[in-house]
Amino acid sequence: MVFNVVAAALIVGVGVVGAYFFWPAAVTAGAMMKAPGAAGFLISRAAFAANPQMYFQLLHNAGAAAAAAAFAA
């Protein structure tokens, strides 16, 4: 019983330390932004930065919903 409590505390402690050091990277990787030209939609900032030309092609040819769906997180 004591071993389970100690193991659980150790796992929680490692998780807290990991979250402290890796939280900024996780937030940056999952950053969202308002979709340009598509009011009300959110898209992945990283996906948009990787290929903005494709986003605008989709926006003009297929519409705002299709472009936002293609660039969702």
N, C-alpha and C. Protein backbone atom coordinates (compact mmCIF):
# COMPACT_ATOMS: atom_id res chain seq x y z
N MET A 1 0.82 -1.19 0.00
CA MET A 1 0.00 0.00 0.00
C MET A 1 0.86 1.25 0.00
N VAL A 2 1.88 1.28 0.83
CA VAL A 2 2.77 2.44 0.90
C VAL A 2 3.52 2.60 -0.41
N PHE A 3 3.89 1.46 -1.01
CA PHE A 3 4.61 1.51 -2.28
C PHE A 3 3.74 2.16 -3.36
N ASN A 4 2.46 1.84 -3.41
CA ASN A 4 1.56 2.43 -4.40
C ASN A 4 1.45 3.94 -4.23
N VAL A 5 1.40 4.41 -2.99
CA VAL A 5 1.30 5.84 -2.73
C VAL A 5 2.58 6.55 -3.15
N VAL A 6 3.71 5.93 -2.83
CA VAL A 6 5.00 6.52 -3.20
C VAL A 6 5.16 6.54 -4.72
N ALA A 7 4.78 5.46 -5.37
CA ALA A 7 4.86 5.40 -6.83
C ALA A 7 3.95 6.43 -7.48
N ALA A 8 2.76 6.59 -6.97
CA ALA A 8 1.83 7.58 -7.52
C ALA A 8 2.38 8.99 -7.32
N ALA A 9 2.94 9.27 -6.14
CA ALA A 9 3.51 10.59 -5.88
C ALA A 9 4.69 10.85 -6.81
N LEU A 10 5.49 9.84 -7.06
CA LEU A 10 6.64 9.98 -7.96
C LEU A 10 6.18 10.27 -9.39
N ILE A 11 5.17 9.56 -9.83
CA ILE A 11 4.64 9.78 -11.19
C ILE A 11 4.07 11.19 -11.32
N VAL A 12 3.34 11.63 -10.33
CA VAL A 12 2.78 12.99 -10.36
C VAL A 12 3.91 14.01 -10.34
N GLY A 13 4.92 13.79 -9.54
CA GLY A 13 6.05 14.71 -9.47
C GLY A 13 6.80 14.82 -10.78
N VAL A 14 7.03 13.70 -11.43
CA VAL A 14 7.70 13.71 -12.74
C VAL A 14 6.82 14.43 -13.76
N GLY A 15 5.51 14.21 -13.70
CA GLY A 15 4.60 14.89 -14.62
C GLY A 15 4.61 16.40 -14.43
N VAL A 16 4.65 16.84 -13.18
CA VAL A 16 4.68 18.28 -12.89
C VAL A 16 5.98 18.90 -13.40
N VAL A 17 7.09 18.24 -13.16
CA VAL A 17 8.37 18.77 -13.63
C VAL A 17 8.40 18.79 -15.16
N GLY A 18 7.90 17.74 -15.80
CA GLY A 18 7.85 17.71 -17.26
C GLY A 18 6.96 18.80 -17.82
N ALA A 19 5.81 19.02 -17.20
CA ALA A 19 4.91 20.07 -17.66
C ALA A 19 5.56 21.44 -17.50
N TYR A 20 6.31 21.62 -16.43
CA TYR A 20 6.99 22.91 -16.20
C TYR A 20 7.98 23.21 -17.32
N PHE A 21 8.75 22.21 -17.74
CA PHE A 21 9.77 22.45 -18.75
C PHE A 21 9.25 22.39 -20.18
N PHE A 22 8.23 21.57 -20.44
CA PHE A 22 7.77 21.38 -21.82
C PHE A 22 6.50 22.15 -22.15
N TRP A 23 5.88 22.83 -21.21
CA TRP A 23 4.64 23.55 -21.48
C TRP A 23 4.80 24.62 -22.56
N PRO A 24 5.85 25.46 -22.55
CA PRO A 24 5.97 26.48 -23.61
C PRO A 24 6.02 25.86 -25.01
N ALA A 25 6.72 24.74 -25.17
CA ALA A 25 6.78 24.10 -26.48
C ALA A 25 5.43 23.54 -26.88
N ALA A 26 4.70 22.99 -25.95
CA ALA A 26 3.38 22.44 -26.26
C ALA A 26 2.40 23.53 -26.64
N VAL A 27 2.47 24.66 -25.97
CA VAL A 27 1.57 25.76 -26.29
C VAL A 27 1.89 26.32 -27.66
N THR A 28 3.17 26.47 -27.96
CA THR A 28 3.58 27.00 -29.27
C THR A 28 3.19 26.05 -30.39
N ALA A 29 3.36 24.74 -30.18
CA ALA A 29 3.03 23.77 -31.21
C ALA A 29 1.55 23.74 -31.51
N GLY A 30 0.73 23.99 -30.52
CA GLY A 30 -0.71 23.93 -30.71
C GLY A 30 -1.34 25.30 -30.89
N ALA A 31 -0.54 26.32 -31.24
CA ALA A 31 -1.07 27.67 -31.36
C ALA A 31 -2.07 27.76 -32.50
N MET A 32 -3.16 28.44 -32.22
CA MET A 32 -4.21 28.65 -33.23
C MET A 32 -4.27 30.14 -33.55
N MET A 33 -4.85 30.44 -34.69
CA MET A 33 -5.02 31.83 -35.09
C MET A 33 -6.35 31.97 -35.81
N LYS A 34 -6.84 33.20 -35.90
CA LYS A 34 -8.05 33.45 -36.68
C LYS A 34 -7.71 33.26 -38.15
N ALA A 35 -8.59 32.59 -38.86
CA ALA A 35 -8.35 32.33 -40.28
C ALA A 35 -8.52 33.62 -41.08
N PRO A 36 -7.52 34.02 -41.85
CA PRO A 36 -7.65 35.23 -42.65
C PRO A 36 -8.74 35.06 -43.71
N GLY A 37 -9.62 36.00 -43.80
CA GLY A 37 -10.67 35.97 -44.80
C GLY A 37 -11.81 35.03 -44.50
N ALA A 38 -11.79 34.40 -43.35
CA ALA A 38 -12.83 33.44 -42.97
C ALA A 38 -13.26 33.74 -41.54
N ALA A 39 -14.15 34.68 -41.40
CA ALA A 39 -14.57 35.14 -40.08
C ALA A 39 -15.14 34.00 -39.24
N GLY A 40 -14.66 33.91 -38.02
CA GLY A 40 -15.19 32.92 -37.09
C GLY A 40 -14.48 31.59 -37.08
N PHE A 41 -13.55 31.35 -37.98
CA PHE A 41 -12.84 30.08 -38.04
C PHE A 41 -11.46 30.22 -37.42
N LEU A 42 -10.99 29.16 -36.77
CA LEU A 42 -9.64 29.10 -36.23
C LEU A 42 -8.86 28.04 -36.99
N ILE A 43 -7.59 28.34 -37.27
CA ILE A 43 -6.73 27.40 -37.97
C ILE A 43 -5.41 27.28 -37.22
N SER A 44 -4.65 26.27 -37.56
CA SER A 44 -3.34 26.05 -36.96
C SER A 44 -2.35 27.08 -37.50
N ARG A 45 -1.68 27.79 -36.59
CA ARG A 45 -0.70 28.79 -37.00
C ARG A 45 0.47 28.13 -37.73
N ALA A 46 0.90 26.98 -37.26
CA ALA A 46 2.04 26.29 -37.89
C ALA A 46 1.69 25.82 -39.30
N ALA A 47 0.49 25.28 -39.48
CA ALA A 47 0.07 24.83 -40.81
C ALA A 47 -0.03 25.99 -41.78
N PHE A 48 -0.57 27.11 -41.31
CA PHE A 48 -0.70 28.29 -42.17
C PHE A 48 0.68 28.83 -42.54
N ALA A 49 1.59 28.90 -41.56
CA ALA A 49 2.93 29.42 -41.83
C ALA A 49 3.68 28.52 -42.80
N ALA A 50 3.40 27.23 -42.77
CA ALA A 50 4.09 26.30 -43.66
C ALA A 50 3.66 26.46 -45.11
N ASN A 51 2.37 26.82 -45.35
CA ASN A 51 1.90 26.91 -46.73
C ASN A 51 0.74 27.89 -46.85
N PRO A 52 0.99 29.19 -46.71
CA PRO A 52 -0.10 30.16 -46.81
C PRO A 52 -0.72 30.23 -48.21
N GLN A 53 0.07 29.97 -49.24
CA GLN A 53 -0.46 30.03 -50.61
C GLN A 53 -1.56 28.98 -50.81
N MET A 54 -1.36 27.79 -50.28
CA MET A 54 -2.38 26.74 -50.41
C MET A 54 -3.65 27.13 -49.65
N TYR A 55 -3.50 27.77 -48.48
CA TYR A 55 -4.67 28.20 -47.73
C TYR A 55 -5.51 29.17 -48.57
N PHE A 56 -4.86 30.16 -49.16
CA PHE A 56 -5.60 31.15 -49.92
C PHE A 56 -6.19 30.56 -51.21
N GLN A 57 -5.51 29.58 -51.81
CA GLN A 57 -6.09 28.88 -52.96
C GLN A 57 -7.37 28.16 -52.55
N LEU A 58 -7.32 27.45 -51.44
CA LEU A 58 -8.52 26.77 -50.95
C LEU A 58 -9.62 27.76 -50.60
N LEU A 59 -9.25 28.86 -49.98
CA LEU A 59 -10.22 29.86 -49.59
C LEU A 59 -10.97 30.40 -50.81
N HIS A 60 -10.26 30.69 -51.87
CA HIS A 60 -10.89 31.27 -53.05
C HIS A 60 -11.62 30.24 -53.90
N ASN A 61 -11.12 29.01 -53.94
CA ASN A 61 -11.72 27.99 -54.81
C ASN A 61 -12.78 27.14 -54.12
N ALA A 62 -12.58 26.81 -52.85
CA ALA A 62 -13.49 25.89 -52.18
C ALA A 62 -14.31 26.55 -51.07
N GLY A 63 -13.89 27.72 -50.64
CA GLY A 63 -14.65 28.42 -49.60
C GLY A 63 -13.95 28.41 -48.25
N ALA A 64 -14.49 29.24 -47.36
CA ALA A 64 -13.88 29.43 -46.05
C ALA A 64 -13.92 28.16 -45.20
N ALA A 65 -15.02 27.44 -45.21
CA ALA A 65 -15.14 26.25 -44.38
C ALA A 65 -14.15 25.16 -44.81
N ALA A 66 -13.98 24.99 -46.09
CA ALA A 66 -13.03 23.97 -46.60
C ALA A 66 -11.59 24.35 -46.26
N ALA A 67 -11.26 25.62 -46.42
CA ALA A 67 -9.89 26.07 -46.11
C ALA A 67 -9.60 25.92 -44.63
N ALA A 68 -10.56 26.29 -43.77
CA ALA A 68 -10.36 26.16 -42.34
C ALA A 68 -10.27 24.70 -41.91
N ALA A 69 -11.06 23.83 -42.55
CA ALA A 69 -11.00 22.40 -42.21
C ALA A 69 -9.66 21.81 -42.61
N ALA A 70 -9.11 22.22 -43.73
CA ALA A 70 -7.82 21.70 -44.19
C ALA A 70 -6.68 22.15 -43.29
N PHE A 71 -6.81 23.31 -42.67
CA PHE A 71 -5.76 23.85 -41.84
C PHE A 71 -6.08 23.77 -40.35
N ALA A 72 -7.02 22.94 -39.97
CA ALA A 72 -7.35 22.73 -38.56
C ALA A 72 -6.20 21.99 -37.89
N ALA A 73 -6.11 22.13 -36.58
CA ALA A 73 -5.02 21.49 -35.83
C ALA A 73 -5.11 19.99 -35.88
